[in-house]
């Protein structure tokens, strides 16, 4: 059995690449160590609800080409991401907009909101921010920082904001309109019936093997008579090289799912953030609201940031100077291999939104033509 490409990882990047190479007449074999396809965008039906198993995934893009491409494989609904934030007994709209500022200070006009923020920034008198806390304070003032940024950020990174570098927050998205749409992108929605069905359609006609770990599979190839010309590897680039130069760093997540068959509506919104450091989770997802569900029950997921250790699922690369330098060294090793491609957030050590994943996979497929 000879294949043009062995694709390691049946997530979004691998699925798009396999789909495109099949169109070009190439024979691909897709393997994944998990028991399912679709990677971190995997959705499964529970209580009649499409549950996002690995955290909320909301498709959004301003690239018409990518939007039209995604719509070939799924019909998208009209979901608009409008999260809310809980701080103690207070509830705020996100992103930071006039609804947020009105609740916080009672202001009604953009001029009043800007004046309040500028007043707080002046009082702090921070000329050259030395850490993330000072950077955020110098951009948004004390109230927004203390209530909506500080605790959430410290939970995400597992460190005090005073210990985090200033460059992590380059800007704070302050919007002086009464608009709760989290994204500025023109196109936004959730696939009706979930993301797994979208990945299945992309992989139609391509051989897929789940529960298949790459290195163990490679050892069996000779005995099974399997050969291939090239590998697309969407796993961790440092793991591929057995961490020979050291391990890249990530932040991980832990999910706590709760089924509520007798509760029709738990929180009234798909995404609710909890911004106090004392609350251990960062947000609660109620999945039925992604598809405007009217099921008699509901399913929620609490999301806990976690320190990453080898063997854990890596979610967010830590793109600081040390890790960027290490990634460059691994990238050089990859270039010397010759017959292997690295793609996706783990292979390229970048946090990608879904539209950027699709674009990168399409570009790679085009370059392989």
Protein backbone atom coordinates (compact mmCIF):
# COMPACT_ATOMS: atom_id res chain seq x y z
CA UNK A 1 0.00 0.00 0.00
CA UNK A 2 1.67 3.18 -1.19
CA UNK A 3 0.49 6.67 -0.32
CA UNK A 4 1.61 10.04 -1.59
CA UNK A 5 1.09 11.56 1.88
CA UNK A 6 0.90 10.25 5.40
CA UNK A 7 -1.04 12.93 7.31
CA UNK A 8 -0.52 12.81 11.06
CA UNK A 9 -3.49 14.43 12.75
CA UNK A 10 -7.13 14.48 11.64
CA UNK A 11 -7.77 17.98 12.97
CA UNK A 12 -8.75 20.97 10.86
CA UNK A 13 -5.34 21.47 9.25
CA UNK A 14 -4.90 17.80 8.36
CA UNK A 15 -8.49 17.48 7.12
CA UNK A 16 -8.23 20.50 4.80
CA UNK A 17 -4.86 19.37 3.45
CA UNK A 18 -6.13 15.81 2.84
CA UNK A 19 -9.22 17.16 1.11
CA UNK A 20 -7.18 19.36 -1.22
CA UNK A 21 -4.60 16.70 -2.06
CA UNK A 22 -7.36 14.23 -2.88
CA UNK A 23 -8.71 16.77 -5.37
CA UNK A 24 -5.26 16.79 -6.97
CA UNK A 25 -5.35 13.02 -7.39
CA UNK A 26 -3.01 12.25 -4.51
CA UNK A 27 -3.54 9.25 -2.25
CA UNK A 28 -3.46 10.12 1.44
CA UNK A 29 -3.59 8.16 4.67
CA UNK A 30 -4.69 10.14 7.72
CA UNK A 31 -3.88 8.87 11.21
CA UNK A 32 -4.78 10.28 14.61
CA UNK A 33 -3.86 9.13 18.11
CA UNK A 34 -7.30 10.06 19.41
CA UNK A 35 -10.35 7.87 18.98
CA UNK A 36 -12.03 10.47 16.80
CA UNK A 37 -11.38 12.87 13.93
CA UNK A 38 -11.65 16.70 13.99
CA UNK A 39 -8.96 17.34 16.62
CA UNK A 40 -9.81 20.10 19.08
CA UNK A 41 -12.86 21.22 17.10
CA UNK A 42 -14.48 17.83 17.75
CA UNK A 43 -18.14 17.99 18.75
CA UNK A 44 -20.22 15.12 20.11
CA UNK A 45 -23.97 14.87 20.65
CA UNK A 46 -25.12 14.72 24.28
CA UNK A 47 -28.79 15.19 25.27
CA UNK A 48 -29.41 16.16 21.66
CA UNK A 49 -26.86 19.00 21.93
CA UNK A 50 -23.63 19.39 19.96
CA UNK A 51 -21.02 19.65 22.72
CA UNK A 52 -17.63 21.26 22.00
CA UNK A 53 -15.47 18.71 23.81
CA UNK A 54 -12.25 20.78 23.81
CA UNK A 55 -13.60 24.24 24.49
CA UNK A 56 -15.73 26.71 22.58
CA UNK A 57 -14.92 27.07 18.88
CA UNK A 58 -16.63 29.94 17.07
CA UNK A 59 -15.80 30.34 13.41
CA UNK A 60 -15.14 33.92 12.35
CA UNK A 61 -13.27 35.50 9.47
CA UNK A 62 -13.10 38.57 7.27
CA UNK A 63 -11.68 36.53 4.40
CA UNK A 64 -14.51 35.81 1.95
CA UNK A 65 -12.48 33.07 0.26
CA UNK A 66 -12.10 31.16 3.53
CA UNK A 67 -15.76 31.70 4.49
CA UNK A 68 -16.93 30.32 1.15
CA UNK A 69 -14.52 27.39 1.47
CA UNK A 70 -15.83 26.46 4.94
CA UNK A 71 -19.41 26.70 3.67
CA UNK A 72 -18.70 23.98 1.11
CA UNK A 73 -18.44 21.51 3.96
CA UNK A 74 -20.98 22.84 6.46
CA UNK A 75 -24.01 25.08 6.67
CA UNK A 76 -23.33 27.80 9.24
CA UNK A 77 -25.90 29.39 11.50
CA UNK A 78 -26.07 33.06 12.51
CA UNK A 79 -24.44 32.75 15.94
CA UNK A 80 -22.79 35.97 17.16
CA UNK A 81 -20.34 35.64 20.04
CA UNK A 82 -21.48 38.00 22.83
CA UNK A 83 -19.90 36.74 26.06
CA UNK A 84 -20.52 38.23 29.47
CA UNK A 85 -18.17 38.50 32.43
CA UNK A 86 -18.96 37.85 36.08
CA UNK A 87 -17.03 39.77 38.75
CA UNK A 88 -18.44 39.06 42.19
CA UNK A 89 -22.12 39.97 42.00
CA UNK A 90 -21.56 42.21 38.98
CA UNK A 91 -22.21 41.24 35.35
CA UNK A 92 -20.52 42.97 32.41
CA UNK A 93 -20.79 42.74 28.63
CA UNK A 94 -17.74 41.79 26.59
CA UNK A 95 -15.85 43.01 24.68
CA UNK A 96 -15.26 46.23 26.64
CA UNK A 97 -17.87 48.52 25.11
CA UNK A 98 -20.38 51.21 26.06
CA UNK A 99 -22.63 48.63 27.75
CA UNK A 100 -19.63 47.67 29.91
CA UNK A 101 -18.76 51.27 30.73
CA UNK A 102 -22.36 52.22 31.51
CA UNK A 103 -22.65 49.34 33.99
CA UNK A 104 -19.26 50.20 35.53
CA UNK A 105 -19.58 54.00 35.85
CA UNK A 106 -23.09 55.00 34.79
CA UNK A 107 -21.76 56.89 31.75
CA UNK A 108 -23.95 57.13 28.65
CA UNK A 109 -21.80 58.70 25.92
CA UNK A 110 -18.46 57.75 24.36
CA UNK A 111 -17.01 61.10 25.47
CA UNK A 112 -17.90 60.40 29.10
CA UNK A 113 -16.41 56.89 28.92
CA UNK A 114 -13.18 58.10 27.29
CA UNK A 115 -12.84 60.87 29.87
CA UNK A 116 -13.22 58.39 32.74
CA UNK A 117 -10.59 56.04 31.31
CA UNK A 118 -8.18 58.87 30.52
CA UNK A 119 -8.62 60.26 34.06
CA UNK A 120 -7.66 56.91 35.59
CA UNK A 121 -4.67 56.52 33.27
CA UNK A 122 -3.39 60.01 34.18
CA UNK A 123 -3.68 59.29 37.92
CA UNK A 124 -1.52 56.18 37.54
CA UNK A 125 1.28 58.11 35.79
CA UNK A 126 2.89 55.05 34.17
CA UNK A 127 5.36 56.24 31.53
CA UNK A 128 7.17 52.99 30.65
CA UNK A 129 5.26 49.83 31.61
CA UNK A 130 7.56 47.21 33.11
CA UNK A 131 5.12 44.30 33.22
CA UNK A 132 1.70 43.22 32.04
CA UNK A 133 -0.08 44.86 34.96
CA UNK A 134 1.42 48.26 34.25
CA UNK A 135 0.82 47.85 30.53
CA UNK A 136 -2.88 47.04 31.03
CA UNK A 137 -3.32 49.85 33.56
CA UNK A 138 -1.74 52.34 31.16
CA UNK A 139 -4.13 51.28 28.40
CA UNK A 140 -7.45 50.78 30.21
CA UNK A 141 -7.25 52.36 33.66
CA UNK A 142 -7.73 50.76 37.06
CA UNK A 143 -11.41 49.71 37.01
CA UNK A 144 -11.36 47.75 33.74
CA UNK A 145 -8.04 46.17 34.69
CA UNK A 146 -8.99 45.17 38.24
CA UNK A 147 -12.43 43.80 37.40
CA UNK A 148 -12.08 42.33 33.93
CA UNK A 149 -8.41 41.73 33.08
CA UNK A 150 -6.31 40.96 36.16
CA UNK A 151 -7.86 37.80 37.59
CA UNK A 152 -8.72 36.22 34.24
CA UNK A 153 -5.21 36.80 32.89
CA UNK A 154 -3.53 35.44 36.02
CA UNK A 155 -5.64 32.28 35.81
CA UNK A 156 -4.81 31.85 32.14
CA UNK A 157 -1.06 32.13 32.68
CA UNK A 158 -0.78 30.76 36.20
CA UNK A 159 1.29 33.77 37.26
CA UNK A 160 0.81 37.24 38.71
CA UNK A 161 0.35 39.99 36.12
CA UNK A 162 3.37 41.67 37.70
CA UNK A 163 5.46 38.66 36.68
CA UNK A 164 4.25 38.62 33.08
CA UNK A 165 5.98 40.66 30.36
CA UNK A 166 4.28 43.80 29.10
CA UNK A 167 4.33 42.70 25.44
CA UNK A 168 1.63 40.05 26.07
CA UNK A 169 -0.95 42.86 26.00
CA UNK A 170 -0.17 45.10 23.04
CA UNK A 171 -3.57 46.78 23.19
CA UNK A 172 -6.84 46.56 25.07
CA UNK A 173 -9.88 46.46 22.76
CA UNK A 174 -11.92 49.39 24.08
CA UNK A 175 -14.99 50.00 21.92
CA UNK A 176 -17.05 53.14 22.32
CA UNK A 177 -20.23 51.74 20.79
CA UNK A 178 -23.13 49.75 22.24
CA UNK A 179 -22.10 46.58 20.41
CA UNK A 180 -21.60 43.25 22.21
CA UNK A 181 -20.29 41.37 19.15
CA UNK A 182 -16.94 40.04 20.34
CA UNK A 183 -15.42 39.78 16.86
CA UNK A 184 -15.02 42.47 14.24
CA UNK A 185 -15.04 39.93 11.41
CA UNK A 186 -17.68 40.15 8.71
CA UNK A 187 -18.50 36.42 8.74
CA UNK A 188 -19.31 34.45 11.87
CA UNK A 189 -21.23 31.35 12.87
CA UNK A 190 -21.27 27.74 14.06
CA UNK A 191 -21.70 24.72 11.74
CA UNK A 192 -25.23 23.38 12.07
CA UNK A 193 -24.83 19.87 13.43
CA UNK A 194 -21.32 20.49 14.76
CA UNK A 195 -17.73 20.60 13.53
CA UNK A 196 -17.23 16.83 13.44
CA UNK A 197 -19.63 16.55 10.52
CA UNK A 198 -17.65 19.25 8.70
CA UNK A 199 -14.39 17.32 9.15
CA UNK A 200 -16.11 14.10 8.04
CA UNK A 201 -17.15 15.75 4.80
CA UNK A 202 -13.61 17.02 4.19
CA UNK A 203 -12.24 13.51 4.73
CA UNK A 204 -14.76 11.72 2.50
CA UNK A 205 -12.94 9.26 0.25
CA UNK A 206 -9.70 9.42 2.26
CA UNK A 207 -8.52 6.51 4.40
CA UNK A 208 -8.50 7.47 8.10
CA UNK A 209 -7.18 5.45 11.05
CA UNK A 210 -7.93 6.67 14.57
CA UNK A 211 -6.38 5.32 17.80
CA UNK A 212 -3.13 5.31 15.85
CA UNK A 213 -0.02 6.91 17.34
CA UNK A 214 2.56 8.03 14.79
CA UNK A 215 5.77 6.46 16.10
CA UNK A 216 4.19 3.11 16.84
CA UNK A 217 2.55 3.18 13.43
CA UNK A 218 5.89 3.91 11.70
CA UNK A 219 7.40 0.82 13.31
CA UNK A 220 4.61 -1.32 11.84
CA UNK A 221 4.75 0.11 8.32
CA UNK A 222 7.37 -2.30 7.02
CA UNK A 223 5.50 -5.35 8.25
CA UNK A 224 2.24 -4.06 6.79
CA UNK A 225 3.82 -3.06 3.48
CA UNK A 226 2.90 0.61 3.89
CA UNK A 227 5.04 3.22 2.15
CA UNK A 228 4.60 6.94 1.51
CA UNK A 229 6.47 9.75 -0.19
CA UNK A 230 5.91 12.55 2.33
CA UNK A 231 4.62 13.17 5.84
CA UNK A 232 2.48 16.08 7.03
CA UNK A 233 2.92 16.20 10.80
CA UNK A 234 0.45 18.34 12.76
CA UNK A 235 1.57 17.22 16.20
CA UNK A 236 4.17 18.90 18.41
CA UNK A 237 7.33 19.60 16.47
CA UNK A 238 9.55 19.06 19.52
CA UNK A 239 7.86 15.72 20.25
CA UNK A 240 8.56 14.60 16.67
CA UNK A 241 12.27 15.12 17.36
CA UNK A 242 12.02 13.39 20.78
CA UNK A 243 12.62 16.72 22.56
CA UNK A 244 16.29 16.45 21.62
CA UNK A 245 16.77 20.23 21.92
CA UNK A 246 14.44 20.60 24.90
CA UNK A 247 10.68 20.95 25.32
CA UNK A 248 8.68 23.89 24.03
CA UNK A 249 6.29 25.34 26.61
CA UNK A 250 2.50 25.49 26.50
CA UNK A 251 -0.47 26.23 28.70
CA UNK A 252 -3.03 23.48 28.97
CA UNK A 253 -6.72 23.28 29.88
CA UNK A 254 -8.87 20.96 31.95
CA UNK A 255 -12.57 20.59 31.18
CA UNK A 256 -15.27 19.66 33.67
CA UNK A 257 -18.47 18.70 31.91
CA UNK A 258 -21.86 18.53 33.61
CA UNK A 259 -25.04 17.19 32.08
CA UNK A 260 -28.31 18.68 33.34
CA UNK A 261 -31.21 16.73 31.81
CA UNK A 262 -33.79 18.59 33.90
CA UNK A 263 -32.47 22.13 33.33
CA UNK A 264 -33.50 23.81 30.09
CA UNK A 265 -31.35 26.92 30.49
CA UNK A 266 -28.47 27.18 32.97
CA UNK A 267 -26.91 30.60 32.32
CA UNK A 268 -28.74 32.18 29.38
CA UNK A 269 -25.62 32.62 27.26
CA UNK A 270 -23.15 30.41 25.43
CA UNK A 271 -20.06 31.88 27.12
CA UNK A 272 -19.78 33.39 30.59
CA UNK A 273 -16.32 34.44 31.82
CA UNK A 274 -15.39 34.51 35.51
CA UNK A 275 -12.77 37.18 36.03
CA UNK A 276 -11.97 36.86 39.75
CA UNK A 277 -8.76 35.00 40.60
CA UNK A 278 -10.56 33.24 43.47
CA UNK A 279 -12.89 31.43 41.03
CA UNK A 280 -10.75 28.55 39.73
CA UNK A 281 -12.27 28.30 36.26
CA UNK A 282 -12.08 31.01 33.61
CA UNK A 283 -15.38 30.42 31.89
CA UNK A 284 -18.50 28.29 31.68
CA UNK A 285 -19.78 27.17 28.29
CA UNK A 286 -23.43 26.26 27.76
CA UNK A 287 -23.31 24.45 24.46
CA UNK A 288 -26.98 24.51 23.41
CA UNK A 289 -26.85 28.29 22.95
CA UNK A 290 -24.36 27.93 20.08
CA UNK A 291 -27.21 26.51 17.99
CA UNK A 292 -30.17 28.26 19.67
CA UNK A 293 -31.26 24.91 21.11
CA UNK A 294 -34.65 24.25 22.67
CA UNK A 295 -33.83 20.82 24.15
CA UNK A 296 -35.37 20.06 27.57
CA UNK A 297 -31.91 19.58 29.13
CA UNK A 298 -28.55 21.29 28.88
CA UNK A 299 -24.81 20.58 29.05
CA UNK A 300 -22.24 22.93 30.53
CA UNK A 301 -18.45 22.83 30.62
CA UNK A 302 -16.24 24.61 33.13
CA UNK A 303 -12.83 25.48 31.74
CA UNK A 304 -9.78 25.43 34.01
CA UNK A 305 -6.38 26.68 32.82
CA UNK A 306 -3.58 24.30 33.78
CA UNK A 307 0.17 24.04 33.77
CA UNK A 308 1.30 21.88 30.87
CA UNK A 309 3.45 18.81 31.40
CA UNK A 310 4.63 16.34 28.73
CA UNK A 311 1.74 13.99 28.11
CA UNK A 312 -0.90 16.69 28.70
CA UNK A 313 -2.81 18.24 25.82
CA UNK A 314 -1.03 21.43 24.73
CA UNK A 315 -3.42 24.28 23.89
CA UNK A 316 -1.62 27.61 23.97
CA UNK A 317 2.03 28.00 22.91
CA UNK A 318 4.02 30.35 25.10
CA UNK A 319 5.65 32.49 22.41
CA UNK A 320 8.27 34.22 24.53
CA UNK A 321 11.88 34.81 23.46
CA UNK A 322 13.19 31.52 24.86
CA UNK A 323 10.53 29.40 23.14
CA UNK A 324 10.75 31.29 19.85
CA UNK A 325 14.49 30.66 19.71
CA UNK A 326 13.98 26.97 20.48
CA UNK A 327 11.26 26.69 17.83
CA UNK A 328 13.59 28.21 15.23
CA UNK A 329 16.12 25.48 15.99
CA UNK A 330 13.48 22.77 15.59
CA UNK A 331 12.32 24.38 12.36
CA UNK A 332 15.86 24.18 11.04
CA UNK A 333 15.96 20.47 11.90
CA UNK A 334 12.67 20.04 10.05
CA UNK A 335 14.03 21.73 6.94
CA UNK A 336 16.97 19.31 6.97
CA UNK A 337 14.59 16.30 6.97
CA UNK A 338 13.47 17.03 3.42
CA UNK A 339 10.39 14.81 3.16
CA UNK A 340 8.31 16.12 6.04
CA UNK A 341 5.95 19.08 6.40
CA UNK A 342 4.86 20.59 9.71
CA UNK A 343 1.47 22.28 9.96
CA UNK A 344 -1.10 23.56 12.42
CA UNK A 345 -0.75 25.18 15.81
CA UNK A 346 1.52 22.45 17.21
CA UNK A 347 3.64 21.83 14.15
CA UNK A 348 4.16 25.55 13.61
CA UNK A 349 4.05 26.55 17.30
CA UNK A 350 1.45 29.26 16.77
CA UNK A 351 -2.02 29.89 18.14
CA UNK A 352 -4.23 30.02 15.05
CA UNK A 353 -7.88 30.97 14.73
CA UNK A 354 -9.75 28.47 12.59
CA UNK A 355 -9.83 30.65 9.50
CA UNK A 356 -6.06 31.03 9.66
CA UNK A 357 -5.68 27.25 10.01
CA UNK A 358 -7.71 26.73 6.83
CA UNK A 359 -5.76 29.43 4.98
CA UNK A 360 -2.40 27.94 6.00
CA UNK A 361 -3.50 24.43 4.99
CA UNK A 362 -4.73 25.67 1.61
CA UNK A 363 -1.45 27.49 1.03
CA UNK A 364 0.55 24.39 1.88
CA UNK A 365 -1.59 22.24 -0.41
CA UNK A 366 -1.13 24.75 -3.21
CA UNK A 367 2.64 24.76 -2.75
CA UNK A 368 2.64 20.94 -2.94
CA UNK A 369 0.81 20.84 -6.26
